[in-house]
Amino acid sequence: MKPIFIAEVKTKSPFGFYSKLFWRELFEVADNYGDWISIHTDYRWGGSFKFLRFVRTLTNKPILAKGIHATDDEVQEALRCGADKVLVVDRLPAEKYVEQCLLEISSLTDFRKALSKFPTAKFVYNNRDLSTGKMKSHNYFDAYKCEGPEWLCQASGIKTIKDIHPSADAFIVGEHLIEFCNSL
């Protein structure tokens, strides 16, 4: 089974990235190429819940609300605005939201704990350190995959189709969206 391509509409990041394309142009590429569309809800990445609500009116594709989503209230708001899935970073949401979330847990130790608590949850391995914006010195995707999650998504550092891990169930491309789509 081929992995799910989650095409991210990202105009900027707090780490110095600024897209040369406008939001609408990025959305059109994401909608044309992606299996899912990722929309940021965090202003630091050029997003908002308003954009999420707007995108729901533009596409029938599944939408991932991308952001830290530090509270369950934010998860609930993303779902109300039309997200099919919500990224939650370095915390566990209330059990009632787990099926609607993708869980990104930065430390392998905490990942193991999360996996033991929610063995059927969908997880994301991000190769970018969100505290610095830099790529991690070592890619631990294999270590996370060896723990046995049913579903693991690869994120960050994907520039071409060759960068997709062979055992990824899904992958997110944002900063290099145009370059990646040109490699297809």
N, C-alpha and C. Protein backbone atom coordinates (compact mmCIF):
# COMPACT_ATOMS: atom_id res chain seq x y z
N MET A 1 0.84 -1.18 0.00
CA MET A 1 0.00 0.00 0.00
C MET A 1 0.89 1.25 0.00
N LYS A 2 0.59 2.19 -0.86
CA LYS A 2 1.41 3.41 -0.93
C LYS A 2 1.07 4.33 0.24
N PRO A 3 2.07 5.05 0.74
CA PRO A 3 1.81 5.94 1.87
C PRO A 3 0.94 7.13 1.47
N ILE A 4 0.26 7.68 2.46
CA ILE A 4 -0.60 8.85 2.28
C ILE A 4 0.28 10.09 2.19
N PHE A 5 0.08 10.88 1.15
CA PHE A 5 0.80 12.13 0.97
C PHE A 5 -0.02 13.25 1.59
N ILE A 6 0.48 13.81 2.69
CA ILE A 6 -0.18 14.93 3.36
C ILE A 6 0.55 16.20 2.91
N ALA A 7 -0.09 16.96 2.04
CA ALA A 7 0.49 18.16 1.45
C ALA A 7 0.17 19.36 2.35
N GLU A 8 1.22 19.98 2.85
CA GLU A 8 1.08 21.04 3.83
C GLU A 8 1.11 22.42 3.17
N VAL A 9 0.13 23.25 3.53
CA VAL A 9 0.09 24.63 3.05
C VAL A 9 0.78 25.47 4.13
N LYS A 10 2.07 25.78 3.88
CA LYS A 10 2.86 26.52 4.87
C LYS A 10 3.51 27.72 4.21
N THR A 11 3.16 28.90 4.68
CA THR A 11 3.71 30.12 4.09
C THR A 11 4.95 30.62 4.81
N LYS A 12 5.11 30.20 6.08
CA LYS A 12 6.27 30.63 6.85
C LYS A 12 6.45 29.71 8.05
N SER A 13 7.59 29.88 8.73
CA SER A 13 7.80 29.18 10.00
C SER A 13 8.54 30.12 10.94
N PRO A 14 8.50 29.82 12.23
CA PRO A 14 9.22 30.68 13.17
C PRO A 14 10.74 30.51 13.08
N PHE A 15 11.18 29.62 12.19
CA PHE A 15 12.61 29.34 12.05
C PHE A 15 13.22 30.00 10.83
N GLY A 16 12.51 30.94 10.22
CA GLY A 16 13.08 31.71 9.13
C GLY A 16 12.61 31.34 7.73
N PHE A 17 11.78 30.32 7.60
CA PHE A 17 11.27 29.95 6.28
C PHE A 17 10.14 30.90 5.88
N TYR A 18 10.20 31.37 4.63
CA TYR A 18 9.11 32.13 4.02
C TYR A 18 8.92 31.59 2.61
N SER A 19 7.71 31.22 2.27
CA SER A 19 7.42 30.70 0.95
C SER A 19 7.49 31.82 -0.09
N LYS A 20 7.95 31.47 -1.27
CA LYS A 20 7.96 32.41 -2.38
C LYS A 20 6.58 32.49 -3.04
N LEU A 21 5.72 31.52 -2.70
CA LEU A 21 4.37 31.48 -3.26
C LEU A 21 3.36 32.01 -2.25
N PHE A 22 2.26 32.52 -2.76
CA PHE A 22 1.17 32.97 -1.92
C PHE A 22 0.40 31.76 -1.39
N TRP A 23 -0.37 31.99 -0.32
CA TRP A 23 -1.15 30.93 0.31
C TRP A 23 -2.03 30.20 -0.70
N ARG A 24 -2.74 30.95 -1.54
CA ARG A 24 -3.67 30.34 -2.49
C ARG A 24 -2.94 29.44 -3.49
N GLU A 25 -1.76 29.85 -3.93
CA GLU A 25 -0.97 29.04 -4.86
C GLU A 25 -0.53 27.74 -4.18
N LEU A 26 -0.09 27.83 -2.94
CA LEU A 26 0.31 26.63 -2.21
C LEU A 26 -0.89 25.70 -2.00
N PHE A 27 -2.03 26.29 -1.68
CA PHE A 27 -3.23 25.47 -1.50
C PHE A 27 -3.56 24.71 -2.79
N GLU A 28 -3.51 25.38 -3.93
CA GLU A 28 -3.84 24.72 -5.20
C GLU A 28 -2.91 23.54 -5.48
N VAL A 29 -1.63 23.70 -5.19
CA VAL A 29 -0.68 22.59 -5.37
C VAL A 29 -1.03 21.47 -4.40
N ALA A 30 -1.27 21.81 -3.14
CA ALA A 30 -1.61 20.80 -2.14
C ALA A 30 -2.89 20.05 -2.52
N ASP A 31 -3.88 20.77 -2.99
CA ASP A 31 -5.15 20.15 -3.36
C ASP A 31 -5.00 19.27 -4.60
N ASN A 32 -4.15 19.66 -5.53
CA ASN A 32 -3.95 18.88 -6.75
C ASN A 32 -3.14 17.61 -6.52
N TYR A 33 -2.15 17.67 -5.62
CA TYR A 33 -1.22 16.55 -5.46
C TYR A 33 -1.45 15.72 -4.20
N GLY A 34 -1.87 16.35 -3.12
CA GLY A 34 -1.94 15.63 -1.85
C GLY A 34 -3.14 14.70 -1.75
N ASP A 35 -2.96 13.64 -0.97
CA ASP A 35 -4.09 12.77 -0.61
C ASP A 35 -4.89 13.45 0.50
N TRP A 36 -4.17 14.10 1.41
CA TRP A 36 -4.75 14.92 2.47
C TRP A 36 -4.13 16.30 2.32
N ILE A 37 -4.74 17.28 2.97
CA ILE A 37 -4.19 18.64 3.01
C ILE A 37 -3.94 18.99 4.48
N SER A 38 -2.78 19.57 4.72
CA SER A 38 -2.43 20.02 6.06
C SER A 38 -2.51 21.54 6.12
N ILE A 39 -3.27 22.05 7.09
CA ILE A 39 -3.44 23.48 7.27
C ILE A 39 -3.00 23.85 8.69
N HIS A 40 -2.10 24.79 8.78
CA HIS A 40 -1.63 25.24 10.09
C HIS A 40 -2.71 26.06 10.80
N THR A 41 -2.81 25.83 12.09
CA THR A 41 -3.71 26.64 12.90
C THR A 41 -2.91 27.64 13.75
N ASP A 42 -1.61 27.52 13.75
CA ASP A 42 -0.73 28.37 14.56
C ASP A 42 -0.20 29.53 13.72
N TYR A 43 -0.39 30.75 14.20
CA TYR A 43 0.02 31.94 13.45
C TYR A 43 1.53 31.95 13.17
N ARG A 44 2.33 31.29 14.03
CA ARG A 44 3.78 31.29 13.82
C ARG A 44 4.17 30.58 12.53
N TRP A 45 3.29 29.71 12.04
CA TRP A 45 3.51 29.01 10.78
C TRP A 45 2.58 29.57 9.70
N GLY A 46 2.09 30.76 9.89
CA GLY A 46 1.22 31.41 8.90
C GLY A 46 -0.19 30.87 8.87
N GLY A 47 -0.63 30.25 9.94
CA GLY A 47 -1.95 29.63 9.95
C GLY A 47 -2.91 30.26 10.93
N SER A 48 -4.14 29.72 10.90
CA SER A 48 -5.17 30.15 11.84
C SER A 48 -6.35 29.18 11.73
N PHE A 49 -7.19 29.20 12.72
CA PHE A 49 -8.42 28.41 12.66
C PHE A 49 -9.33 28.94 11.55
N LYS A 50 -9.26 30.25 11.29
CA LYS A 50 -10.04 30.86 10.21
C LYS A 50 -9.66 30.24 8.86
N PHE A 51 -8.35 30.07 8.61
CA PHE A 51 -7.91 29.43 7.36
C PHE A 51 -8.43 28.00 7.28
N LEU A 52 -8.38 27.31 8.41
CA LEU A 52 -8.86 25.93 8.44
C LEU A 52 -10.33 25.87 8.05
N ARG A 53 -11.13 26.74 8.61
CA ARG A 53 -12.57 26.79 8.30
C ARG A 53 -12.78 27.10 6.81
N PHE A 54 -11.98 28.03 6.28
CA PHE A 54 -12.07 28.42 4.88
C PHE A 54 -11.71 27.24 3.96
N VAL A 55 -10.63 26.54 4.27
CA VAL A 55 -10.20 25.43 3.44
C VAL A 55 -11.24 24.32 3.40
N ARG A 56 -11.95 24.14 4.51
CA ARG A 56 -13.00 23.09 4.52
C ARG A 56 -14.03 23.37 3.43
N THR A 57 -14.24 24.64 3.08
CA THR A 57 -15.20 24.98 2.04
C THR A 57 -14.63 24.78 0.63
N LEU A 58 -13.30 24.61 0.53
CA LEU A 58 -12.64 24.51 -0.77
C LEU A 58 -12.34 23.09 -1.23
N THR A 59 -12.36 22.13 -0.32
CA THR A 59 -11.96 20.78 -0.69
C THR A 59 -12.77 19.74 0.09
N ASN A 60 -12.88 18.58 -0.51
CA ASN A 60 -13.49 17.44 0.16
C ASN A 60 -12.44 16.47 0.67
N LYS A 61 -11.16 16.78 0.43
CA LYS A 61 -10.08 15.91 0.89
C LYS A 61 -9.98 15.98 2.41
N PRO A 62 -9.45 14.92 3.03
CA PRO A 62 -9.22 14.98 4.47
C PRO A 62 -8.25 16.12 4.80
N ILE A 63 -8.51 16.79 5.91
CA ILE A 63 -7.68 17.90 6.35
C ILE A 63 -7.06 17.58 7.72
N LEU A 64 -5.74 17.79 7.78
CA LEU A 64 -5.01 17.70 9.04
C LEU A 64 -4.80 19.11 9.55
N ALA A 65 -5.27 19.39 10.76
CA ALA A 65 -4.99 20.67 11.41
C ALA A 65 -3.61 20.54 12.03
N LYS A 66 -2.67 21.29 11.49
CA LYS A 66 -1.28 21.18 11.95
C LYS A 66 -0.99 22.31 12.90
N GLY A 67 -0.41 21.98 14.02
CA GLY A 67 -0.05 22.94 15.05
C GLY A 67 0.36 22.18 16.29
N ILE A 68 0.68 22.89 17.33
CA ILE A 68 1.06 22.25 18.59
C ILE A 68 -0.19 21.70 19.28
N HIS A 69 -1.27 22.47 19.28
CA HIS A 69 -2.54 22.11 19.93
C HIS A 69 -2.30 21.65 21.37
N ALA A 70 -1.90 22.63 22.18
CA ALA A 70 -1.48 22.39 23.56
C ALA A 70 -2.62 22.05 24.51
N THR A 71 -3.87 22.25 24.08
CA THR A 71 -5.01 21.94 24.95
C THR A 71 -6.06 21.18 24.15
N ASP A 72 -6.89 20.47 24.87
CA ASP A 72 -8.00 19.77 24.21
C ASP A 72 -9.02 20.76 23.65
N ASP A 73 -9.10 21.96 24.23
CA ASP A 73 -9.98 22.99 23.66
C ASP A 73 -9.54 23.33 22.24
N GLU A 74 -8.24 23.39 22.00
CA GLU A 74 -7.73 23.66 20.65
C GLU A 74 -8.04 22.50 19.71
N VAL A 75 -7.95 21.27 20.20
CA VAL A 75 -8.31 20.10 19.40
C VAL A 75 -9.78 20.19 19.02
N GLN A 76 -10.62 20.48 19.99
CA GLN A 76 -12.06 20.60 19.74
C GLN A 76 -12.36 21.71 18.73
N GLU A 77 -11.66 22.85 18.84
CA GLU A 77 -11.86 23.96 17.91
C GLU A 77 -11.46 23.56 16.49
N ALA A 78 -10.35 22.86 16.35
CA ALA A 78 -9.91 22.40 15.02
C ALA A 78 -10.94 21.46 14.40
N LEU A 79 -11.48 20.58 15.19
CA LEU A 79 -12.51 19.66 14.69
C LEU A 79 -13.77 20.43 14.30
N ARG A 80 -14.15 21.41 15.10
CA ARG A 80 -15.32 22.26 14.77
C ARG A 80 -15.10 23.03 13.47
N CYS A 81 -13.86 23.39 13.21
CA CYS A 81 -13.55 24.17 11.99
C CYS A 81 -13.40 23.30 10.76
N GLY A 82 -13.56 21.99 10.90
CA GLY A 82 -13.56 21.12 9.73
C GLY A 82 -12.40 20.16 9.58
N ALA A 83 -11.49 20.12 10.54
CA ALA A 83 -10.38 19.17 10.45
C ALA A 83 -10.89 17.74 10.62
N ASP A 84 -10.28 16.84 9.86
CA ASP A 84 -10.57 15.41 10.03
C ASP A 84 -9.64 14.81 11.07
N LYS A 85 -8.40 15.33 11.11
CA LYS A 85 -7.39 14.91 12.09
C LYS A 85 -6.72 16.16 12.62
N VAL A 86 -6.19 16.06 13.85
CA VAL A 86 -5.54 17.19 14.50
C VAL A 86 -4.20 16.71 15.04
N LEU A 87 -3.13 17.42 14.68
CA LEU A 87 -1.81 17.10 15.21
C LEU A 87 -1.71 17.61 16.64
N VAL A 88 -1.25 16.76 17.53
CA VAL A 88 -1.03 17.12 18.93
C VAL A 88 0.44 16.81 19.23
N VAL A 89 1.17 17.81 19.73
CA VAL A 89 2.61 17.67 19.92
C VAL A 89 2.97 17.57 21.40
N ASP A 90 3.69 16.52 21.72
CA ASP A 90 4.30 16.30 23.04
C ASP A 90 3.34 16.33 24.21
N ARG A 91 2.16 15.80 23.99
CA ARG A 91 1.21 15.57 25.07
C ARG A 91 0.18 14.57 24.56
N LEU A 92 -0.57 14.01 25.47
CA LEU A 92 -1.64 13.10 25.09
C LEU A 92 -2.97 13.81 25.27
N PRO A 93 -3.81 13.79 24.25
CA PRO A 93 -5.14 14.39 24.40
C PRO A 93 -6.03 13.48 25.23
N ALA A 94 -7.18 13.99 25.60
CA ALA A 94 -8.16 13.15 26.28
C ALA A 94 -8.48 11.95 25.39
N GLU A 95 -8.76 10.84 26.01
CA GLU A 95 -9.01 9.60 25.27
C GLU A 95 -10.08 9.76 24.20
N LYS A 96 -11.09 10.59 24.46
CA LYS A 96 -12.18 10.76 23.49
C LYS A 96 -11.71 11.39 22.18
N TYR A 97 -10.52 12.03 22.17
CA TYR A 97 -10.00 12.68 20.96
C TYR A 97 -8.92 11.87 20.24
N VAL A 98 -8.41 10.83 20.85
CA VAL A 98 -7.25 10.13 20.31
C VAL A 98 -7.45 9.66 18.87
N GLU A 99 -8.60 9.11 18.56
CA GLU A 99 -8.85 8.62 17.19
C GLU A 99 -8.82 9.74 16.16
N GLN A 100 -9.07 10.96 16.57
CA GLN A 100 -9.11 12.09 15.65
C GLN A 100 -7.78 12.86 15.63
N CYS A 101 -6.79 12.33 16.32
CA CYS A 101 -5.51 13.04 16.42
C CYS A 101 -4.37 12.22 15.81
N LEU A 102 -3.34 12.95 15.40
CA LEU A 102 -2.03 12.37 15.10
C LEU A 102 -1.14 12.85 16.23
N LEU A 103 -0.45 11.93 16.88
CA LEU A 103 0.35 12.26 18.05
C LEU A 103 1.83 12.33 17.68
N GLU A 104 2.43 13.48 17.91
CA GLU A 104 3.85 13.68 17.66
C GLU A 104 4.54 13.77 19.01
N ILE A 105 5.28 12.74 19.35
CA ILE A 105 5.96 12.67 20.64
C ILE A 105 7.46 12.69 20.39
N SER A 106 8.14 13.72 20.90
CA SER A 106 9.53 13.96 20.54
C SER A 106 10.53 12.97 21.12
N SER A 107 10.31 12.52 22.35
CA SER A 107 11.29 11.60 22.94
C SER A 107 10.82 10.16 22.77
N LEU A 108 11.77 9.28 22.49
CA LEU A 108 11.44 7.87 22.29
C LEU A 108 10.86 7.26 23.57
N THR A 109 11.35 7.68 24.72
CA THR A 109 10.81 7.18 25.99
C THR A 109 9.35 7.56 26.15
N ASP A 110 9.02 8.82 25.88
CA ASP A 110 7.62 9.27 25.97
C ASP A 110 6.76 8.64 24.88
N PHE A 111 7.36 8.40 23.71
CA PHE A 111 6.64 7.72 22.63
C PHE A 111 6.22 6.32 23.08
N ARG A 112 7.14 5.60 23.71
CA ARG A 112 6.82 4.25 24.21
C ARG A 112 5.66 4.28 25.20
N LYS A 113 5.67 5.28 26.09
CA LYS A 113 4.58 5.41 27.06
C LYS A 113 3.26 5.70 26.35
N ALA A 114 3.29 6.60 25.39
CA ALA A 114 2.08 6.95 24.64
C ALA A 114 1.55 5.75 23.88
N LEU A 115 2.46 5.00 23.26
CA LEU A 115 2.06 3.82 22.49
C LEU A 115 1.46 2.75 23.40
N SER A 116 2.00 2.60 24.61
CA SER A 116 1.44 1.59 25.52
C SER A 116 0.05 2.02 26.01
N LYS A 117 -0.16 3.32 26.15
CA LYS A 117 -1.47 3.81 26.59
C LYS A 117 -2.50 3.78 25.46
N PHE A 118 -2.04 4.14 24.23
CA PHE A 118 -2.94 4.20 23.08
C PHE A 118 -2.33 3.40 21.92
N PRO A 119 -2.39 2.08 21.98
CA PRO A 119 -1.70 1.24 20.98
C PRO A 119 -2.24 1.36 19.55
N THR A 120 -3.45 1.87 19.37
CA THR A 120 -3.99 1.99 18.01
C THR A 120 -3.93 3.43 17.49
N ALA A 121 -3.31 4.31 18.25
CA ALA A 121 -3.22 5.72 17.84
C ALA A 121 -2.34 5.87 16.60
N LYS A 122 -2.56 6.95 15.88
CA LYS A 122 -1.72 7.31 14.74
C LYS A 122 -0.64 8.28 15.25
N PHE A 123 0.62 8.00 14.86
CA PHE A 123 1.74 8.79 15.35
C PHE A 123 2.50 9.45 14.20
N VAL A 124 3.20 10.53 14.55
CA VAL A 124 4.05 11.26 13.61
C VAL A 124 5.46 11.27 14.19
N TYR A 125 6.44 10.94 13.34
CA TYR A 125 7.84 11.15 13.72
C TYR A 125 8.33 12.36 12.94
N ASN A 126 8.68 13.43 13.66
CA ASN A 126 9.17 14.66 13.04
C ASN A 126 10.69 14.70 13.19
N ASN A 127 11.39 14.78 12.07
CA ASN A 127 12.85 14.82 12.11
C ASN A 127 13.38 16.24 12.39
N ARG A 128 12.48 17.18 12.64
CA ARG A 128 12.89 18.55 13.00
C ARG A 128 12.70 18.74 14.50
N ASP A 129 13.68 19.35 15.13
CA ASP A 129 13.58 19.72 16.54
C ASP A 129 12.77 21.01 16.62
N LEU A 130 11.58 20.94 17.17
CA LEU A 130 10.69 22.11 17.20
C LEU A 130 11.14 23.19 18.18
N SER A 131 12.12 22.90 19.02
CA SER A 131 12.63 23.94 19.91
C SER A 131 13.67 24.81 19.21
N THR A 132 14.34 24.27 18.18
CA THR A 132 15.38 25.03 17.47
C THR A 132 15.07 25.25 16.00
N GLY A 133 14.23 24.41 15.42
CA GLY A 133 13.95 24.47 13.99
C GLY A 133 14.94 23.70 13.15
N LYS A 134 15.97 23.18 13.77
CA LYS A 134 17.01 22.44 13.03
C LYS A 134 16.62 20.97 12.89
N MET A 135 17.17 20.36 11.85
CA MET A 135 16.96 18.93 11.68
C MET A 135 17.71 18.21 12.81
N LYS A 136 17.15 17.12 13.29
CA LYS A 136 17.80 16.35 14.35
C LYS A 136 19.10 15.75 13.82
N SER A 137 20.06 15.56 14.71
CA SER A 137 21.37 15.05 14.29
C SER A 137 21.29 13.60 13.81
N HIS A 138 20.27 12.90 14.23
CA HIS A 138 20.08 11.51 13.80
C HIS A 138 18.59 11.30 13.54
N ASN A 139 18.27 10.59 12.47
CA ASN A 139 16.87 10.30 12.15
C ASN A 139 16.48 9.02 12.88
N TYR A 140 15.54 9.13 13.81
CA TYR A 140 15.11 7.99 14.62
C TYR A 140 13.83 7.34 14.10
N PHE A 141 13.48 7.58 12.86
CA PHE A 141 12.25 6.99 12.32
C PHE A 141 12.24 5.47 12.51
N ASP A 142 13.36 4.81 12.19
CA ASP A 142 13.42 3.34 12.34
C ASP A 142 13.21 2.91 13.79
N ALA A 143 13.78 3.66 14.73
CA ALA A 143 13.62 3.31 16.15
C ALA A 143 12.16 3.42 16.57
N TYR A 144 11.47 4.46 16.10
CA TYR A 144 10.04 4.62 16.40
C TYR A 144 9.25 3.49 15.74
N LYS A 145 9.56 3.20 14.50
CA LYS A 145 8.83 2.15 13.76
C LYS A 145 9.02 0.79 14.42
N CYS A 146 10.21 0.53 14.94
CA CYS A 146 10.50 -0.76 15.59
C CYS A 146 9.68 -0.97 16.87
N GLU A 147 9.17 0.11 17.43
CA GLU A 147 8.34 -0.01 18.63
C GLU A 147 6.97 -0.60 18.31
N GLY A 148 6.60 -0.63 17.02
CA GLY A 148 5.38 -1.31 16.60
C GLY A 148 4.11 -0.51 16.50
N PRO A 149 4.18 0.81 16.25
CA PRO A 149 2.90 1.52 16.06
C PRO A 149 2.19 0.99 14.82
N GLU A 150 0.87 0.99 14.87
CA GLU A 150 0.10 0.53 13.71
C GLU A 150 0.24 1.49 12.53
N TRP A 151 0.53 2.76 12.82
CA TRP A 151 0.56 3.80 11.79
C TRP A 151 1.57 4.85 12.21
N LEU A 152 2.56 5.12 11.32
CA LEU A 152 3.58 6.13 11.63
C LEU A 152 3.81 7.00 10.41
N CYS A 153 3.70 8.29 10.62
CA CYS A 153 3.85 9.30 9.58
C CYS A 153 5.23 9.95 9.70
N GLN A 154 5.89 10.13 8.58
CA GLN A 154 7.19 10.79 8.52
C GLN A 154 6.99 12.28 8.24
N ALA A 155 7.74 13.13 8.96
CA ALA A 155 7.62 14.58 8.74
C ALA A 155 8.99 15.24 8.79
N SER A 156 9.16 16.26 7.98
CA SER A 156 10.33 17.14 7.89
C SER A 156 11.50 16.50 7.14
N GLY A 157 12.13 17.35 6.34
CA GLY A 157 13.31 16.93 5.59
C GLY A 157 13.00 16.20 4.30
N ILE A 158 11.74 16.15 3.89
CA ILE A 158 11.36 15.44 2.67
C ILE A 158 11.36 16.44 1.52
N LYS A 159 12.30 16.25 0.59
CA LYS A 159 12.42 17.15 -0.56
C LYS A 159 12.00 16.48 -1.86
N THR A 160 12.24 15.18 -1.97
CA THR A 160 11.85 14.44 -3.17
C THR A 160 11.25 13.11 -2.75
N ILE A 161 10.68 12.43 -3.70
CA ILE A 161 10.06 11.13 -3.43
C ILE A 161 11.08 10.13 -2.87
N LYS A 162 12.35 10.33 -3.17
CA LYS A 162 13.41 9.43 -2.68
C LYS A 162 13.62 9.55 -1.17
N ASP A 163 13.13 10.63 -0.57
CA ASP A 163 13.32 10.86 0.86
C ASP A 163 12.27 10.18 1.73
N ILE A 164 11.28 9.56 1.12
CA ILE A 164 10.22 8.90 1.89
C ILE A 164 10.74 7.56 2.40
N HIS A 165 10.60 7.34 3.69
CA HIS A 165 11.03 6.08 4.29
C HIS A 165 10.15 4.96 3.75
N PRO A 166 10.74 3.82 3.39
CA PRO A 166 9.95 2.73 2.77
C PRO A 166 8.84 2.18 3.67
N SER A 167 8.95 2.35 4.98
CA SER A 167 7.90 1.80 5.85
C SER A 167 6.97 2.89 6.40
N ALA A 168 7.05 4.10 5.87
CA ALA A 168 6.14 5.17 6.32
C ALA A 168 4.72 4.88 5.84
N ASP A 169 3.77 5.06 6.73
CA ASP A 169 2.36 4.91 6.38
C ASP A 169 1.81 6.19 5.76
N ALA A 170 2.47 7.29 6.08
CA ALA A 170 2.10 8.61 5.55
C ALA A 170 3.33 9.49 5.65
N PHE A 171 3.29 10.63 4.98
CA PHE A 171 4.39 11.59 5.08
C PHE A 171 3.82 12.98 4.84
N ILE A 172 4.43 13.96 5.52
CA ILE A 172 4.00 15.35 5.41
C ILE A 172 5.11 16.14 4.74
N VAL A 173 4.73 16.89 3.69
CA VAL A 173 5.68 17.76 3.01
C VAL A 173 5.10 19.17 3.03
N GLY A 174 5.88 20.12 3.53
CA GLY A 174 5.44 21.50 3.59
C GLY A 174 6.44 22.45 2.96
N GLU A 175 7.54 22.66 3.64
CA GLU A 175 8.54 23.63 3.19
C GLU A 175 9.03 23.35 1.77
N HIS A 176 9.12 22.09 1.40
CA HIS A 176 9.62 21.69 0.09
C HIS A 176 8.51 21.15 -0.82
N LEU A 177 7.29 21.65 -0.63
CA LEU A 177 6.13 21.12 -1.36
C LEU A 177 6.31 21.18 -2.88
N ILE A 178 6.73 22.31 -3.41
CA ILE A 178 6.86 22.46 -4.86
C ILE A 178 7.96 21.53 -5.39
N GLU A 179 9.10 21.54 -4.72
CA GLU A 179 10.21 20.66 -5.12
C GLU A 179 9.78 19.19 -5.09
N PHE A 180 9.05 18.81 -4.03
CA PHE A 180 8.59 17.43 -3.91
C PHE A 180 7.65 17.08 -5.05
N CYS A 181 6.66 17.93 -5.31
CA CYS A 181 5.70 17.65 -6.38
C CYS A 181 6.37 17.58 -7.74
N ASN A 182 7.40 18.35 -7.93
CA ASN A 182 8.17 18.27 -9.19
C ASN A 182 8.93 16.96 -9.31
N SER A 183 9.17 16.27 -8.19
CA SER A 183 9.90 15.00 -8.24
C SER A 183 8.98 13.82 -8.54
N LEU A 184 7.67 14.06 -8.53
CA LEU A 184 6.72 12.96 -8.76
C LEU A 184 6.67 12.57 -10.24
